Amino acid sequence: MTDDLAGIKSIIEAALLVAGEPLGAGELAKLFDPPLEQDLVRKLLDDIRTTWAERSVELTQVASGWRFRAKPELQPYLDRLAPEKPPRYSRATMETLAIIAYQQPVTRGDIESIRGVAVSTQMIKTLEDRQWIEVVGHRETPGRPALYATTKQFLDDLNLRSLSELPPLAELDTSHLLELPDAPAKAAEAELALASPILGTPASASADLAAPGAGDAERDAPETNPTFH
């Protein structure tokens, strides 16, 4: 039985290493015929995570399942493989994302009430195109406004399993412009570096400070050719 488990673990490990996205325990169980018990899959995943703990690549669990990623401290070196600058999002866009993350589900009117300024259609579209927010319903009020919430992709990109892992709202600091590189698309890719205390990432990832005195009207301007993948 030990040899069988070792072989099963090797298959699961290989699947995770070559997958282009997180894999859930249910998906991994179906690699075998008959499918494995999910409790066994989870035990083997824990074993694999322990085995890789001292290596440069680690196994982590996110909202959509499990994936390998390079350890965050190696990111500055890996960035040299792709030196192009990541897309940059305005403080207003990140404030909007933070409001949705912490207050969801919310309407556009809710966001405008909290921020005190109009929320542009382009700003919402930017977050939808990035697959960080989605419409999850409509409020039963005149006009039936759309209700927005964050997605599993949002959690995956931040290497979180659930919204409960977000830091306390009191720790939010939206005084910076935030740079967000592409989310990991392959096994062993480094964690997305969200440059802000909003999600407790290293200061080394922080973008430039927003221009002092910039008004909300300026901050709510549409993004300038943001890059999406």
C-alpha atoms as a PDB file:
ATOM      1  CA  MET A   1       0.000   0.000   0.000  1.00  0.00           C
ATOM      2  CA  THR A   2       2.899   2.336   0.747  1.00  0.00           C
ATOM      3  CA  ASP A   3       4.248   1.931  -2.777  1.00  0.00           C
ATOM      4  CA  ASP A   4       0.784   2.546  -4.197  1.00  0.00           C
ATOM      5  CA  LEU A   5       0.438   5.757  -2.204  1.00  0.00           C
ATOM      6  CA  ALA A   6       3.869   6.903  -3.341  1.00  0.00           C
ATOM      7  CA  GLY A   7       2.819   6.396  -6.962  1.00  0.00           C
ATOM      8  CA  ILE A   8      -0.487   8.167  -6.428  1.00  0.00           C
ATOM      9  CA  LYS A   9       1.302  11.077  -4.783  1.00  0.00           C
ATOM     10  CA  SER A  10       3.700  11.304  -7.741  1.00  0.00           C
ATOM     11  CA  ILE A  11       0.775  11.513 -10.170  1.00  0.00           C
ATOM     12  CA  ILE A  12      -0.917  14.265  -8.143  1.00  0.00           C
ATOM     13  CA  GLU A  13       2.367  16.144  -7.856  1.00  0.00           C
ATOM     14  CA  ALA A  14       2.960  15.945 -11.622  1.00  0.00           C
ATOM     15  CA  ALA A  15      -0.574  17.127 -12.383  1.00  0.00           C
ATOM     16  CA  LEU A  16      -0.119  20.167 -10.165  1.00  0.00           C
ATOM     17  CA  LEU A  17       3.270  20.996 -11.663  1.00  0.00           C
ATOM     18  CA  VAL A  18       2.023  21.028 -15.251  1.00  0.00           C
ATOM     19  CA  ALA A  19      -1.413  22.538 -14.632  1.00  0.00           C
ATOM     20  CA  GLY A  20      -1.982  26.082 -15.833  1.00  0.00           C
ATOM     21  CA  GLU A  21      -4.463  26.805 -13.051  1.00  0.00           C
ATOM     22  CA  PRO A  22      -5.292  25.662  -9.512  1.00  0.00           C
ATOM     23  CA  LEU A  23      -6.732  22.154  -9.208  1.00  0.00           C
ATOM     24  CA  GLY A  24      -9.296  21.189  -6.606  1.00  0.00           C
ATOM     25  CA  ALA A  25      -9.257  17.969  -4.587  1.00  0.00           C
ATOM     26  CA  GLY A  26     -12.240  16.730  -6.597  1.00  0.00           C
ATOM     27  CA  GLU A  27     -10.428  17.242  -9.902  1.00  0.00           C
ATOM     28  CA  LEU A  28      -7.330  15.482  -8.614  1.00  0.00           C
ATOM     29  CA  ALA A  29      -9.417  12.576  -7.320  1.00  0.00           C
ATOM     30  CA  LYS A  30     -10.745  12.007 -10.858  1.00  0.00           C
ATOM     31  CA  LEU A  31      -7.248  11.364 -12.176  1.00  0.00           C
ATOM     32  CA  PHE A  32      -7.764   7.815 -10.950  1.00  0.00           C
ATOM     33  CA  ASP A  33     -10.244   5.057 -11.789  1.00  0.00           C
ATOM     34  CA  PRO A  34     -12.100   4.634  -9.558  1.00  0.00           C
ATOM     35  CA  PRO A  35     -11.756   8.176  -8.180  1.00  0.00           C
ATOM     36  CA  LEU A  36      -9.914   8.518  -4.889  1.00  0.00           C
ATOM     37  CA  GLU A  37     -11.609   9.560  -1.689  1.00  0.00           C
ATOM     38  CA  GLN A  38     -11.166  13.306  -1.342  1.00  0.00           C
ATOM     39  CA  ASP A  39      -9.995  12.901   2.247  1.00  0.00           C
ATOM     40  CA  LEU A  40      -7.093  10.807   0.948  1.00  0.00           C
ATOM     41  CA  VAL A  41      -6.329  13.403  -1.725  1.00  0.00           C
ATOM     42  CA  ARG A  42      -6.187  16.140   0.902  1.00  0.00           C
ATOM     43  CA  LYS A  43      -3.851  14.050   3.059  1.00  0.00           C
ATOM     44  CA  LEU A  44      -1.545  13.475   0.106  1.00  0.00           C
ATOM     45  CA  LEU A  45      -1.650  17.193  -0.732  1.00  0.00           C
ATOM     46  CA  ASP A  46      -0.540  17.977   2.800  1.00  0.00           C
ATOM     47  CA  ASP A  47       2.291  15.441   2.411  1.00  0.00           C
ATOM     48  CA  ILE A  48       3.375  17.062  -0.861  1.00  0.00           C
ATOM     49  CA  ARG A  49       3.273  20.518   0.713  1.00  0.00           C
ATOM     50  CA  THR A  50       5.499  19.313   3.542  1.00  0.00           C
ATOM     51  CA  THR A  51       7.929  17.664   1.107  1.00  0.00           C
ATOM     52  CA  TRP A  52       8.337  20.902  -0.849  1.00  0.00           C
ATOM     53  CA  ALA A  53       8.422  23.202   2.184  1.00  0.00           C
ATOM     54  CA  GLU A  54      12.204  23.716   2.107  1.00  0.00           C
ATOM     55  CA  ARG A  55      12.469  24.121  -1.657  1.00  0.00           C
ATOM     56  CA  SER A  56      12.292  27.210  -3.828  1.00  0.00           C
ATOM     57  CA  VAL A  57       8.816  26.209  -5.020  1.00  0.00           C
ATOM     58  CA  GLU A  58       5.936  25.583  -2.622  1.00  0.00           C
ATOM     59  CA  LEU A  59       2.445  24.094  -2.796  1.00  0.00           C
ATOM     60  CA  THR A  60      -0.287  26.498  -1.710  1.00  0.00           C
ATOM     61  CA  GLN A  61      -4.062  26.384  -1.448  1.00  0.00           C
ATOM     62  CA  VAL A  62      -6.165  29.159  -2.957  1.00  0.00           C
ATOM     63  CA  ALA A  63      -9.898  29.616  -3.512  1.00  0.00           C
ATOM     64  CA  SER A  64     -10.022  27.443  -6.647  1.00  0.00           C
ATOM     65  CA  GLY A  65      -7.787  24.652  -5.364  1.00  0.00           C
ATOM     66  CA  TRP A  66      -4.087  23.877  -5.087  1.00  0.00           C
ATOM     67  CA  ARG A  67      -1.119  25.092  -7.135  1.00  0.00           C
ATOM     68  CA  PHE A  68       2.646  25.329  -7.045  1.00  0.00           C
ATOM     69  CA  ARG A  69       4.273  28.748  -6.931  1.00  0.00           C
ATOM     70  CA  ALA A  70       7.748  30.120  -6.435  1.00  0.00           C
ATOM     71  CA  LYS A  71       8.376  31.478  -2.963  1.00  0.00           C
ATOM     72  CA  PRO A  72       7.630  35.224  -2.756  1.00  0.00           C
ATOM     73  CA  GLU A  73      11.171  36.152  -1.723  1.00  0.00           C
ATOM     74  CA  LEU A  74      12.394  34.904  -5.104  1.00  0.00           C
ATOM     75  CA  GLN A  75      10.080  37.209  -7.055  1.00  0.00           C
ATOM     76  CA  PRO A  76      12.651  40.013  -7.597  1.00  0.00           C
ATOM     77  CA  TYR A  77      14.884  37.534  -9.413  1.00  0.00           C
ATOM     78  CA  LEU A  78      12.076  35.989 -11.444  1.00  0.00           C
ATOM     79  CA  ASP A  79      10.908  39.432 -12.520  1.00  0.00           C
ATOM     80  CA  ARG A  80      14.112  39.730 -14.552  1.00  0.00           C
ATOM     81  CA  LEU A  81      12.766  37.049 -16.886  1.00  0.00           C
ATOM     82  CA  ALA A  82       9.964  39.428 -17.880  1.00  0.00           C
ATOM     83  CA  PRO A  83      11.258  42.980 -17.337  1.00  0.00           C
ATOM     84  CA  GLU A  84       8.259  44.706 -18.935  1.00  0.00           C
ATOM     85  CA  LYS A  85       6.310  46.873 -16.521  1.00  0.00           C
ATOM     86  CA  PRO A  86       3.060  45.424 -15.182  1.00  0.00           C
ATOM     87  CA  PRO A  87      -0.232  47.279 -15.639  1.00  0.00           C
ATOM     88  CA  ARG A  88      -0.828  50.072 -13.182  1.00  0.00           C
ATOM     89  CA  TYR A  89      -4.181  50.873 -11.646  1.00  0.00           C
ATOM     90  CA  SER A  90      -5.232  54.172 -10.130  1.00  0.00           C
ATOM     91  CA  ARG A  91      -5.895  54.705  -6.460  1.00  0.00           C
ATOM     92  CA  ALA A  92      -9.576  55.255  -7.302  1.00  0.00           C
ATOM     93  CA  THR A  93      -9.803  51.869  -9.018  1.00  0.00           C
ATOM     94  CA  MET A  94      -8.184  50.129  -6.058  1.00  0.00           C
ATOM     95  CA  GLU A  95     -10.437  51.974  -3.613  1.00  0.00           C
ATOM     96  CA  THR A  96     -13.405  50.709  -5.611  1.00  0.00           C
ATOM     97  CA  LEU A  97     -12.050  47.155  -5.547  1.00  0.00           C
ATOM     98  CA  ALA A  98     -11.470  47.371  -1.790  1.00  0.00           C
ATOM     99  CA  ILE A  99     -15.034  48.585  -1.192  1.00  0.00           C
ATOM    100  CA  ILE A 100     -16.434  45.699  -3.225  1.00  0.00           C
ATOM    101  CA  ALA A 101     -14.185  43.199  -1.430  1.00  0.00           C
ATOM    102  CA  TYR A 102     -15.170  44.348   2.055  1.00  0.00           C
ATOM    103  CA  GLN A 103     -18.799  45.390   1.535  1.00  0.00           C
ATOM    104  CA  GLN A 104     -20.024  42.914  -1.106  1.00  0.00           C
ATOM    105  CA  PRO A 105     -22.453  42.596  -2.639  1.00  0.00           C
ATOM    106  CA  VAL A 106     -22.711  46.294  -3.482  1.00  0.00           C
ATOM    107  CA  THR A 107     -24.217  48.398  -6.221  1.00  0.00           C
ATOM    108  CA  ARG A 108     -22.465  51.148  -8.092  1.00  0.00           C
ATOM    109  CA  GLY A 109     -24.559  53.594  -6.070  1.00  0.00           C
ATOM    110  CA  ASP A 110     -23.278  52.054  -2.825  1.00  0.00           C
ATOM    111  CA  ILE A 111     -19.692  52.545  -3.983  1.00  0.00           C
ATOM    112  CA  GLU A 112     -20.394  56.155  -4.949  1.00  0.00           C
ATOM    113  CA  SER A 113     -21.974  56.819  -1.538  1.00  0.00           C
ATOM    114  CA  ILE A 114     -18.895  55.467   0.255  1.00  0.00           C
ATOM    115  CA  ARG A 115     -16.335  57.201  -1.960  1.00  0.00           C
ATOM    116  CA  GLY A 116     -18.315  60.418  -2.339  1.00  0.00           C
ATOM    117  CA  VAL A 117     -17.629  60.650  -6.080  1.00  0.00           C
ATOM    118  CA  ALA A 118     -19.036  59.121  -9.244  1.00  0.00           C
ATOM    119  CA  VAL A 119     -17.720  55.718 -10.291  1.00  0.00           C
ATOM    120  CA  SER A 120     -16.930  55.622 -13.989  1.00  0.00           C
ATOM    121  CA  THR A 121     -18.173  52.809 -16.220  1.00  0.00           C
ATOM    122  CA  GLN A 122     -14.592  52.288 -17.398  1.00  0.00           C
ATOM    123  CA  MET A 123     -13.437  51.679 -13.829  1.00  0.00           C
ATOM    124  CA  ILE A 124     -15.999  48.914 -13.328  1.00  0.00           C
ATOM    125  CA  LYS A 125     -15.151  47.458 -16.734  1.00  0.00           C
ATOM    126  CA  THR A 126     -11.452  47.439 -15.857  1.00  0.00           C
ATOM    127  CA  LEU A 127     -12.136  45.283 -12.805  1.00  0.00           C
ATOM    128  CA  GLU A 128     -14.530  43.032 -14.717  1.00  0.00           C
ATOM    129  CA  ASP A 129     -12.057  42.541 -17.559  1.00  0.00           C
ATOM    130  CA  ARG A 130      -9.425  41.599 -15.008  1.00  0.00           C
ATOM    131  CA  GLN A 131     -11.953  39.026 -13.709  1.00  0.00           C
ATOM    132  CA  TRP A 132     -11.729  40.385 -10.172  1.00  0.00           C
ATOM    133  CA  ILE A 133     -15.413  41.370  -9.891  1.00  0.00           C
ATOM    134  CA  GLU A 134     -18.674  40.131 -11.378  1.00  0.00           C
ATOM    135  CA  VAL A 135     -22.407  40.782 -11.247  1.00  0.00           C
ATOM    136  CA  VAL A 136     -23.986  38.364  -8.777  1.00  0.00           C
ATOM    137  CA  GLY A 137     -27.561  39.665  -8.870  1.00  0.00           C
ATOM    138  CA  HIS A 138     -29.723  42.753  -8.869  1.00  0.00           C
ATOM    139  CA  ARG A 139     -31.144  44.729  -5.972  1.00  0.00           C
ATOM    140  CA  GLU A 140     -34.933  44.784  -5.897  1.00  0.00           C
ATOM    141  CA  THR A 141     -35.211  48.547  -6.008  1.00  0.00           C
ATOM    142  CA  PRO A 142     -36.234  50.886  -8.842  1.00  0.00           C
ATOM    143  CA  GLY A 143     -33.968  50.273 -11.800  1.00  0.00           C
ATOM    144  CA  ARG A 144     -32.798  46.942 -10.309  1.00  0.00           C
ATOM    145  CA  PRO A 145     -29.125  48.006 -10.074  1.00  0.00           C
ATOM    146  CA  ALA A 146     -26.468  45.315 -10.485  1.00  0.00           C
ATOM    147  CA  LEU A 147     -24.852  43.877  -7.373  1.00  0.00           C
ATOM    148  CA  TYR A 148     -21.073  43.409  -7.613  1.00  0.00           C
ATOM    149  CA  ALA A 149     -18.899  40.944  -5.721  1.00  0.00           C
ATOM    150  CA  THR A 150     -15.356  39.658  -6.040  1.00  0.00           C
ATOM    151  CA  THR A 151     -14.552  36.405  -7.829  1.00  0.00           C
ATOM    152  CA  LYS A 152     -12.537  33.287  -7.097  1.00  0.00           C
ATOM    153  CA  GLN A 153     -10.008  34.666  -9.577  1.00  0.00           C
ATOM    154  CA  PHE A 154      -9.523  37.666  -7.280  1.00  0.00           C
ATOM    155  CA  LEU A 155      -8.751  35.344  -4.361  1.00  0.00           C
ATOM    156  CA  ASP A 156      -6.525  33.102  -6.490  1.00  0.00           C
ATOM    157  CA  ASP A 157      -4.494  36.072  -7.726  1.00  0.00           C
ATOM    158  CA  LEU A 158      -3.897  37.170  -4.143  1.00  0.00           C
ATOM    159  CA  ASN A 159      -3.104  33.632  -3.005  1.00  0.00           C
ATOM    160  CA  LEU A 160      -6.051  33.590  -0.624  1.00  0.00           C
ATOM    161  CA  ARG A 161      -8.469  30.775   0.141  1.00  0.00           C
ATOM    162  CA  SER A 162     -11.384  32.941   1.251  1.00  0.00           C
ATOM    163  CA  LEU A 163     -12.379  36.525   1.955  1.00  0.00           C
ATOM    164  CA  SER A 164     -11.891  35.868   5.655  1.00  0.00           C
ATOM    165  CA  GLU A 165      -8.132  35.983   4.997  1.00  0.00           C
ATOM    166  CA  LEU A 166      -8.274  39.645   3.972  1.00  0.00           C
ATOM    167  CA  PRO A 167      -6.675  41.910   6.590  1.00  0.00           C
ATOM    168  CA  PRO A 168      -8.857  44.052   8.869  1.00  0.00           C
ATOM    169  CA  LEU A 169     -10.427  47.021   7.146  1.00  0.00           C
ATOM    170  CA  ALA A 170      -8.591  49.366   9.515  1.00  0.00           C
ATOM    171  CA  GLU A 171      -5.302  48.368   7.861  1.00  0.00           C
ATOM    172  CA  LEU A 172      -6.337  49.642   4.442  1.00  0.00           C
ATOM    173  CA  ASP A 173      -4.156  52.339   2.925  1.00  0.00           C
ATOM    174  CA  THR A 174      -5.169  53.559  -0.511  1.00  0.00           C
ATOM    175  CA  SER A 175      -2.653  56.406  -0.698  1.00  0.00           C
ATOM    176  CA  HIS A 176      -0.591  54.652  -3.351  1.00  0.00           C
ATOM    177  CA  LEU A 177      -0.943  53.799  -6.966  1.00  0.00           C
ATOM    178  CA  LEU A 178      -0.889  50.027  -7.170  1.00  0.00           C
ATOM    179  CA  GLU A 179       0.962  47.829  -9.614  1.00  0.00           C
ATOM    180  CA  LEU A 180      -0.456  44.374 -10.206  1.00  0.00           C
ATOM    181  CA  PRO A 181       1.402  41.989 -12.496  1.00  0.00           C
ATOM    182  CA  ASP A 182      -0.331  39.181 -14.321  1.00  0.00           C
ATOM    183  CA  ALA A 183      -1.752  36.465 -12.115  1.00  0.00           C
ATOM    184  CA  PRO A 184       0.174  33.178 -12.051  1.00  0.00           C
ATOM    185  CA  ALA A 185      -0.785  31.205 -15.152  1.00  0.00           C
ATOM    186  CA  LYS A 186       1.527  28.219 -14.775  1.00  0.00           C
ATOM    187  CA  ALA A 187       2.652  25.965 -11.989  1.00  0.00           C
ATOM    188  CA  ALA A 188       5.679  27.252 -10.062  1.00  0.00           C
ATOM    189  CA  GLU A 189       4.990  30.871 -11.053  1.00  0.00           C
ATOM    190  CA  ALA A 190       5.451  33.463  -8.346  1.00  0.00           C
ATOM    191  CA  GLU A 191       2.607  34.929  -6.306  1.00  0.00           C
ATOM    192  CA  LEU A 192       0.898  38.011  -7.610  1.00  0.00           C
ATOM    193  CA  ALA A 193       2.488  41.029  -5.915  1.00  0.00           C
ATOM    194  CA  LEU A 194      -0.265  43.403  -4.883  1.00  0.00           C
ATOM    195  CA  ALA A 195       1.613  46.522  -3.925  1.00  0.00           C
ATOM    196  CA  SER A 196      -0.299  47.826  -0.952  1.00  0.00           C
ATOM    197  CA  PRO A 197      -0.989  47.205   2.731  1.00  0.00           C
ATOM    198  CA  ILE A 198      -4.516  46.426   1.498  1.00  0.00           C
ATOM    199  CA  LEU A 199      -3.331  42.851   1.230  1.00  0.00           C
ATOM    200  CA  GLY A 200      -0.234  42.930   3.350  1.00  0.00           C
ATOM    201  CA  THR A 201       2.421  42.565   0.651  1.00  0.00           C
ATOM    202  CA  PRO A 202       6.089  43.619   0.886  1.00  0.00           C
ATOM    203  CA  ALA A 203       6.903  47.285   0.634  1.00  0.00           C
ATOM    204  CA  SER A 204       9.397  46.480  -2.114  1.00  0.00           C
ATOM    205  CA  ALA A 205       6.473  45.878  -4.455  1.00  0.00           C
ATOM    206  CA  SER A 206       4.914  49.296  -3.851  1.00  0.00           C
ATOM    207  CA  ALA A 207       4.316  51.632  -6.754  1.00  0.00           C
ATOM    208  CA  ASP A 208       4.943  55.353  -6.832  1.00  0.00           C
ATOM    209  CA  LEU A 209       2.963  57.604  -4.510  1.00  0.00           C
ATOM    210  CA  ALA A 210      -0.029  59.279  -6.038  1.00  0.00           C
ATOM    211  CA  ALA A 211       0.581  62.888  -6.954  1.00  0.00           C
ATOM    212  CA  PRO A 212      -0.073  65.039  -3.886  1.00  0.00           C
ATOM    213  CA  GLY A 213      -3.219  67.088  -4.058  1.00  0.00           C
ATOM    214  CA  ALA A 214      -4.702  65.102  -6.908  1.00  0.00           C
ATOM    215  CA  GLY A 215      -8.480  65.420  -6.769  1.00  0.00           C
ATOM    216  CA  ASP A 216     -11.062  62.671  -7.078  1.00  0.00           C
ATOM    217  CA  ALA A 217     -11.989  63.825 -10.555  1.00  0.00           C
ATOM    218  CA  GLU A 218      -8.445  63.213 -11.705  1.00  0.00           C
ATOM    219  CA  ARG A 219      -8.208  59.894  -9.878  1.00  0.00           C
ATOM    220  CA  ASP A 220     -11.466  58.703 -11.448  1.00  0.00           C
ATOM    221  CA  ALA A 221     -10.235  59.296 -14.978  1.00  0.00           C
ATOM    222  CA  PRO A 222     -10.341  56.200 -17.215  1.00  0.00           C
ATOM    223  CA  GLU A 223      -7.274  53.965 -17.170  1.00  0.00           C
ATOM    224  CA  THR A 224      -4.679  54.705 -19.826  1.00  0.00           C
ATOM    225  CA  ASN A 225      -4.294  51.654 -22.030  1.00  0.00           C
ATOM    226  CA  PRO A 226      -4.305  49.082 -19.219  1.00  0.00           C
ATOM    227  CA  THR A 227      -2.913  45.701 -20.217  1.00  0.00           C
ATOM    228  CA  PHE A 228      -5.027  42.605 -19.647  1.00  0.00           C
ATOM    229  CA  HIS A 229      -4.200  38.957 -20.153  1.00  0.00           C
END
